[in-house]
Amino acid sequence: MFIYKKNNNYTMYNNIMEDSEIEPTKKDYAVCIFGQLRGVKSVVSKFYDNLIDILDADLYIVSQKTYTDIDNDIHLFDKNVVSKVLYDPPKDIESMFINYSRLLKHDNYICNASLQVFLNFYMISEKFGDIFENNYRYVIMTRSDFYHLFPFPNILHLDNTDDTFWCYDVNDYYGINATLMCVPSNYIKCYLNAFKSFLDDSNNIKLLNSVPFNGVIHLNTEMYVKILFTSNKWSLGKLRSNAFISASSLQEITTWGAIMYDDTNKLYYKYETQYRDALLGLKEYNEELKKWTYHYDMNNNTKTILLS
């Protein structure tokens, strides 16, 4: 028997055939928000309409305090919530990573903000890793500030396997963009722990310091994620983007670049290519009536979910 808390009620599940190899029925999806609670006021309605509700997903939140008003926005998530955690981030985040000081600083774009996310993932694994693994088929790890313009694809209805990771096919910066990652629950603990454990393993520092490769690609978070995927031999599929990273105002906290505003659509956004790609997807979905479809390229061994 295992118990988890949902909406202040305790729900109990019994595995009647305890001696058999039959697992308890798993729910298809959990969504877990990580990082700071950015952009929530602008996105929360679409977040529910086009992600949580469309997938009938349970919601978990494990976010860092910013000690500003946006911390209060955690209360705007008021449906399908299993757990909300808002914690004090460590002041000296570098001290939490024993080998961080050995990275070559002039080639290193893994900054304090990235380390906070890596620690955030580790904490999520410690608190919810077993629950995610035992109760869901996929866990969608996401920032809070994705504005979902139209329904997210139901991956399990398109590709009835749960052994492939999925992320958006945009803004990869020569690596893998993990700002939204659909993680098979069988790998969720390994995935969440890898961000910290790989960096803490002194045997990996030489590899990390060998970036940039051929003097072109620097060690950024996207390249780091790609190294993790290569090292673990994880299978990755790419999703046509239905969302973009938004904001609640031009003055909102951000760690890179400027927040922009589209006066025509009355939307804030942070990345031009990502925003335009999501708008094009909305047009294809609404006006051209395209549907989500799964594609496998046998020649290149690639998986994609597209609108067609």
Protein backbone atom coordinates (compact mmCIF):
# COMPACT_ATOMS: atom_id res chain seq x y z
CA MET A 1 0.00 0.00 0.00
CA PHE A 2 1.17 3.48 -0.67
CA ILE A 3 -0.40 6.82 0.23
CA TYR A 4 -0.03 10.25 -1.21
CA LYS A 5 -1.65 13.54 -0.35
CA LYS A 6 -3.82 15.24 -2.94
CA ASN A 7 -5.80 18.44 -2.41
CA ASN A 8 -5.55 17.98 1.36
CA ASN A 9 -7.14 14.54 1.18
CA TYR A 10 -5.24 11.31 1.59
CA THR A 11 -5.79 8.87 -1.25
CA MET A 12 -4.91 5.23 -0.67
CA TYR A 13 -4.05 2.60 -3.22
CA ASN A 14 -3.92 -1.12 -2.51
CA ASN A 15 -1.99 -3.59 -4.60
CA ILE A 16 -4.16 -6.63 -3.93
CA MET A 17 -1.79 -9.08 -5.64
CA GLU A 18 1.23 -8.18 -3.54
CA ASP A 19 3.09 -11.36 -4.45
CA SER A 20 2.58 -10.96 -8.18
CA GLU A 21 4.67 -8.97 -10.66
CA ILE A 22 1.69 -6.84 -11.75
CA GLU A 23 2.29 -3.18 -10.95
CA PRO A 24 -0.45 -0.86 -9.67
CA THR A 25 -2.07 1.09 -12.48
CA LYS A 26 -0.13 4.26 -13.17
CA LYS A 27 -1.68 7.58 -14.08
CA ASP A 28 -0.35 8.87 -17.40
CA TYR A 29 1.07 12.25 -16.39
CA ALA A 30 2.39 14.36 -13.56
CA VAL A 31 3.59 17.91 -14.16
CA CYS A 32 6.29 19.32 -11.88
CA ILE A 33 7.18 23.03 -11.84
CA PHE A 34 10.76 23.86 -10.89
CA GLY A 35 12.78 27.06 -10.56
CA GLN A 36 11.40 30.46 -9.61
CA LEU A 37 7.71 31.29 -10.05
CA ARG A 38 8.08 33.62 -13.01
CA GLY A 39 5.28 34.79 -15.27
CA VAL A 40 2.55 32.91 -13.39
CA LYS A 41 -0.12 35.62 -13.58
CA SER A 42 0.16 35.75 -17.36
CA VAL A 43 0.27 32.04 -18.07
CA VAL A 44 -1.70 30.20 -15.38
CA SER A 45 -5.02 30.08 -17.25
CA LYS A 46 -3.44 28.64 -20.42
CA PHE A 47 -1.23 26.39 -18.30
CA TYR A 48 -4.35 24.69 -16.98
CA ASP A 49 -6.38 24.75 -20.21
CA ASN A 50 -3.68 23.45 -22.54
CA LEU A 51 -1.46 21.32 -20.32
CA ILE A 52 -2.91 20.18 -16.97
CA ASP A 53 -6.55 19.78 -18.01
CA ILE A 54 -5.88 18.40 -21.48
CA LEU A 55 -3.66 15.65 -20.01
CA ASP A 56 -5.62 15.19 -16.77
CA ALA A 57 -2.27 15.62 -15.02
CA ASP A 58 -1.44 15.92 -11.33
CA LEU A 59 0.57 19.01 -10.41
CA TYR A 60 3.59 19.30 -8.15
CA ILE A 61 5.47 22.53 -7.44
CA VAL A 62 8.95 22.72 -5.94
CA SER A 63 10.17 26.28 -6.38
CA GLN A 64 12.80 28.62 -5.00
CA LYS A 65 11.82 31.69 -3.03
CA THR A 66 12.74 35.04 -4.56
CA TYR A 67 11.58 37.06 -1.53
CA THR A 68 9.45 39.19 -3.88
CA ASP A 69 5.74 39.37 -4.63
CA ILE A 70 5.94 36.59 -7.23
CA ASP A 71 6.36 34.04 -4.44
CA ASN A 72 2.70 34.62 -3.58
CA ASP A 73 1.69 33.49 -7.07
CA ILE A 74 2.02 29.88 -5.95
CA HIS A 75 -1.55 30.26 -4.68
CA LEU A 76 -2.77 30.80 -8.26
CA PHE A 77 -2.23 27.10 -8.87
CA ASP A 78 -5.46 25.88 -7.30
CA LYS A 79 -6.50 22.72 -9.19
CA ASN A 80 -5.07 19.20 -9.50
CA VAL A 81 -2.36 20.14 -6.98
CA VAL A 82 -0.78 17.25 -5.08
CA SER A 83 1.94 19.27 -3.35
CA LYS A 84 3.36 22.81 -3.26
CA VAL A 85 6.84 23.48 -1.88
CA LEU A 86 8.47 26.91 -1.73
CA TYR A 87 11.96 26.79 -0.21
CA ASP A 88 14.84 29.08 0.72
CA PRO A 89 17.65 28.67 -1.83
CA PRO A 90 21.18 28.37 -0.41
CA LYS A 91 23.10 31.65 -0.42
CA ASP A 92 26.37 30.02 -1.43
CA ILE A 93 25.17 27.68 -4.15
CA GLU A 94 28.68 26.96 -5.47
CA SER A 95 29.61 25.32 -2.16
CA MET A 96 26.89 22.72 -2.79
CA PHE A 97 28.81 21.43 -5.83
CA ILE A 98 32.19 20.09 -4.77
CA ASN A 99 33.87 20.31 -8.20
CA TYR A 100 32.34 23.50 -9.56
CA SER A 101 35.48 25.53 -8.80
CA ARG A 102 37.48 23.20 -11.06
CA LEU A 103 35.57 24.20 -14.19
CA LEU A 104 37.40 26.59 -16.50
CA LYS A 105 35.63 29.88 -15.85
CA HIS A 106 36.35 31.49 -19.20
CA ASP A 107 34.56 28.65 -21.00
CA ASN A 108 31.87 28.08 -18.39
CA TYR A 109 28.32 29.32 -18.83
CA ILE A 110 26.92 27.12 -16.07
CA CYS A 111 26.22 30.03 -13.74
CA ASN A 112 24.71 30.23 -10.25
CA ALA A 113 21.18 30.22 -11.70
CA SER A 114 21.91 26.89 -13.41
CA LEU A 115 23.33 25.44 -10.21
CA GLN A 116 20.18 26.47 -8.35
CA VAL A 117 18.13 24.46 -10.87
CA PHE A 118 20.46 21.45 -10.59
CA LEU A 119 20.03 21.50 -6.80
CA ASN A 120 16.28 22.02 -7.28
CA PHE A 121 16.14 18.83 -9.35
CA TYR A 122 18.06 16.92 -6.71
CA MET A 123 15.62 18.09 -4.03
CA ILE A 124 12.63 17.09 -6.19
CA SER A 125 14.10 13.60 -6.59
CA GLU A 126 14.63 13.27 -2.85
CA LYS A 127 11.07 14.37 -2.04
CA PHE A 128 9.01 12.97 -4.91
CA GLY A 129 11.23 10.63 -6.93
CA ASP A 130 9.67 7.42 -5.66
CA ILE A 131 6.14 8.83 -6.00
CA PHE A 132 6.80 9.86 -9.59
CA GLU A 133 8.34 6.51 -10.46
CA ASN A 134 5.59 4.41 -8.91
CA ASN A 135 2.46 6.40 -9.80
CA TYR A 136 2.95 7.94 -13.27
CA ARG A 137 4.16 6.99 -16.73
CA TYR A 138 5.54 10.43 -17.61
CA VAL A 139 6.66 13.39 -15.52
CA ILE A 140 6.72 16.73 -17.35
CA MET A 141 9.39 18.90 -15.76
CA THR A 142 8.75 22.54 -16.64
CA ARG A 143 9.42 26.13 -15.79
CA SER A 144 6.43 28.09 -14.53
CA ASP A 145 6.46 30.72 -17.29
CA PHE A 146 5.56 28.71 -20.41
CA TYR A 147 2.52 30.21 -22.14
CA HIS A 148 0.72 27.28 -23.80
CA LEU A 149 -1.05 28.71 -26.84
CA PHE A 150 -2.86 25.50 -27.80
CA PRO A 151 -3.16 21.96 -26.41
CA PHE A 152 0.00 20.06 -25.57
CA PRO A 153 0.24 16.70 -27.38
CA ASN A 154 -0.82 13.57 -25.52
CA ILE A 155 2.39 11.65 -26.16
CA LEU A 156 1.05 8.32 -24.93
CA HIS A 157 -1.86 8.49 -27.37
CA LEU A 158 0.56 9.09 -30.24
CA ASP A 159 3.44 6.80 -29.27
CA ASN A 160 2.24 4.13 -26.87
CA THR A 161 5.63 3.66 -25.25
CA ASP A 162 7.08 5.43 -22.24
CA ASP A 163 10.82 4.99 -22.74
CA THR A 164 11.57 8.17 -24.72
CA PHE A 165 12.30 11.63 -23.36
CA TRP A 166 10.63 14.54 -25.18
CA CYS A 167 11.53 18.23 -25.38
CA TYR A 168 10.73 21.19 -27.61
CA ASP A 169 12.62 21.39 -30.90
CA VAL A 170 13.68 25.04 -30.49
CA ASN A 171 16.43 27.10 -28.83
CA ASP A 172 18.78 24.17 -28.24
CA TYR A 173 21.99 26.26 -28.46
CA TYR A 174 23.97 23.28 -29.81
CA GLY A 175 22.74 21.08 -26.96
CA ILE A 176 19.39 20.05 -25.46
CA ASN A 177 16.97 22.57 -24.01
CA ALA A 178 15.52 21.11 -20.79
CA THR A 179 13.26 24.02 -19.80
CA LEU A 180 10.38 21.62 -20.51
CA MET A 181 11.25 17.93 -20.53
CA CYS A 182 8.86 14.97 -20.63
CA VAL A 183 10.65 12.30 -18.62
CA PRO A 184 9.69 8.61 -18.57
CA SER A 185 8.99 7.80 -14.93
CA ASN A 186 11.36 4.81 -15.07
CA TYR A 187 14.19 7.31 -15.53
CA ILE A 188 12.92 10.21 -13.45
CA LYS A 189 15.17 9.73 -10.41
CA CYS A 190 18.24 9.13 -12.55
CA TYR A 191 17.43 12.22 -14.63
CA LEU A 192 16.83 14.52 -11.67
CA ASN A 193 19.92 13.34 -9.80
CA ALA A 194 22.23 13.41 -12.82
CA PHE A 195 22.50 17.21 -12.99
CA LYS A 196 24.23 17.32 -9.61
CA SER A 197 25.89 13.91 -9.44
CA PHE A 198 27.64 14.24 -12.83
CA LEU A 199 29.19 17.54 -11.82
CA ASP A 200 30.11 16.18 -8.38
CA ASP A 201 32.03 13.27 -9.94
CA SER A 202 35.65 14.39 -10.30
CA ASN A 203 36.11 11.92 -13.20
CA ASN A 204 33.86 14.12 -15.36
CA ILE A 205 35.65 17.45 -14.91
CA LYS A 206 38.19 16.79 -17.67
CA LEU A 207 35.37 16.12 -20.13
CA LEU A 208 33.51 19.27 -19.11
CA ASN A 209 36.69 21.32 -19.41
CA SER A 210 37.23 20.00 -22.95
CA VAL A 211 34.25 22.12 -24.04
CA PRO A 212 34.25 24.16 -26.32
CA PHE A 213 34.65 21.47 -28.92
CA ASN A 214 36.74 22.69 -31.86
CA GLY A 215 36.69 26.16 -30.34
CA VAL A 216 33.02 26.70 -31.26
CA ILE A 217 30.60 25.47 -28.60
CA HIS A 218 31.00 26.69 -25.04
CA LEU A 219 29.86 24.82 -21.95
CA ASN A 220 26.34 26.11 -21.42
CA THR A 221 23.45 24.38 -19.70
CA GLU A 222 22.12 23.01 -23.00
CA MET A 223 25.48 21.43 -23.83
CA TYR A 224 25.67 20.04 -20.29
CA VAL A 225 22.24 18.39 -20.74
CA LYS A 226 23.40 16.90 -24.04
CA ILE A 227 26.46 15.43 -22.30
CA LEU A 228 24.14 13.90 -19.67
CA PHE A 229 21.95 12.33 -22.37
CA THR A 230 24.96 10.95 -24.22
CA SER A 231 26.50 9.54 -21.05
CA ASN A 232 23.27 7.83 -20.01
CA LYS A 233 22.28 6.75 -23.54
CA TRP A 234 18.80 8.21 -23.12
CA SER A 235 16.49 8.28 -26.15
CA LEU A 236 15.23 11.78 -27.03
CA GLY A 237 12.33 12.84 -29.25
CA LYS A 238 11.52 16.38 -30.36
CA LEU A 239 8.17 18.16 -30.03
CA ARG A 240 6.79 20.89 -32.24
CA SER A 241 6.45 23.82 -29.87
CA ASN A 242 2.98 24.80 -28.63
CA ALA A 243 4.33 27.26 -26.04
CA PHE A 244 6.84 30.03 -25.39
CA ILE A 245 8.46 31.50 -22.29
CA SER A 246 6.49 34.55 -21.24
CA ALA A 247 6.52 37.16 -18.45
CA SER A 248 4.05 39.22 -16.45
CA SER A 249 5.66 42.60 -17.18
CA LEU A 250 8.68 44.21 -18.79
CA GLN A 251 10.22 44.56 -15.33
CA GLU A 252 9.94 40.92 -14.29
CA ILE A 253 12.99 39.11 -12.94
CA THR A 254 15.02 37.52 -15.72
CA THR A 255 18.53 36.11 -15.91
CA TRP A 256 19.20 36.68 -19.60
CA GLY A 257 18.31 39.31 -22.18
CA ALA A 258 15.38 41.67 -22.29
CA ILE A 259 11.67 40.94 -22.04
CA MET A 260 9.79 41.94 -25.20
CA TYR A 261 6.14 42.82 -25.81
CA ASP A 262 3.96 42.05 -28.82
CA ASP A 263 1.39 44.85 -28.91
CA THR A 264 -0.69 43.07 -31.57
CA ASN A 265 -1.26 39.95 -29.49
CA LYS A 266 -0.77 41.65 -26.09
CA LEU A 267 1.83 39.09 -25.02
CA TYR A 268 5.21 39.29 -23.30
CA TYR A 269 7.99 36.98 -24.46
CA LYS A 270 11.72 36.41 -23.95
CA TYR A 271 12.99 34.57 -27.03
CA GLU A 272 12.07 35.79 -30.50
CA THR A 273 12.54 32.50 -32.39
CA GLN A 274 10.64 30.49 -29.78
CA TYR A 275 7.78 33.00 -29.73
CA ARG A 276 7.37 33.17 -33.52
CA ASP A 277 7.55 29.38 -33.79
CA ALA A 278 4.76 28.95 -31.23
CA LEU A 279 2.59 31.53 -33.01
CA LEU A 280 3.07 29.67 -36.29
CA GLY A 281 2.05 26.46 -34.54
CA LEU A 282 -1.11 28.15 -33.25
CA LYS A 283 -1.98 29.21 -36.80
CA GLU A 284 -1.45 25.67 -38.08
CA TYR A 285 -3.56 24.23 -35.28
CA ASN A 286 -6.46 26.70 -35.41
CA GLU A 287 -6.65 27.86 -39.02
CA GLU A 288 -5.17 24.95 -40.94
CA LEU A 289 -6.72 22.38 -38.57
CA LYS A 290 -3.53 20.36 -38.33
CA LYS A 291 -3.34 17.62 -35.72
CA TRP A 292 -0.57 16.19 -33.58
CA THR A 293 1.13 13.25 -35.32
CA TYR A 294 4.01 10.96 -34.42
CA HIS A 295 6.84 10.39 -36.90
CA TYR A 296 9.75 7.96 -36.77
CA ASP A 297 12.62 8.32 -39.24
CA MET A 298 14.17 4.86 -39.46
CA ASN A 299 17.16 6.08 -41.48
CA ASN A 300 18.22 8.63 -38.87
CA ASN A 301 16.63 6.92 -35.85
CA THR A 302 14.81 10.11 -34.86
CA LYS A 303 11.39 10.60 -33.28
CA THR A 304 9.28 13.72 -33.68
CA ILE A 305 5.78 14.84 -32.82
CA LEU A 306 4.58 17.41 -35.33
CA LEU A 307 1.46 19.18 -36.56
CA SER A 308 0.39 17.76 -39.91
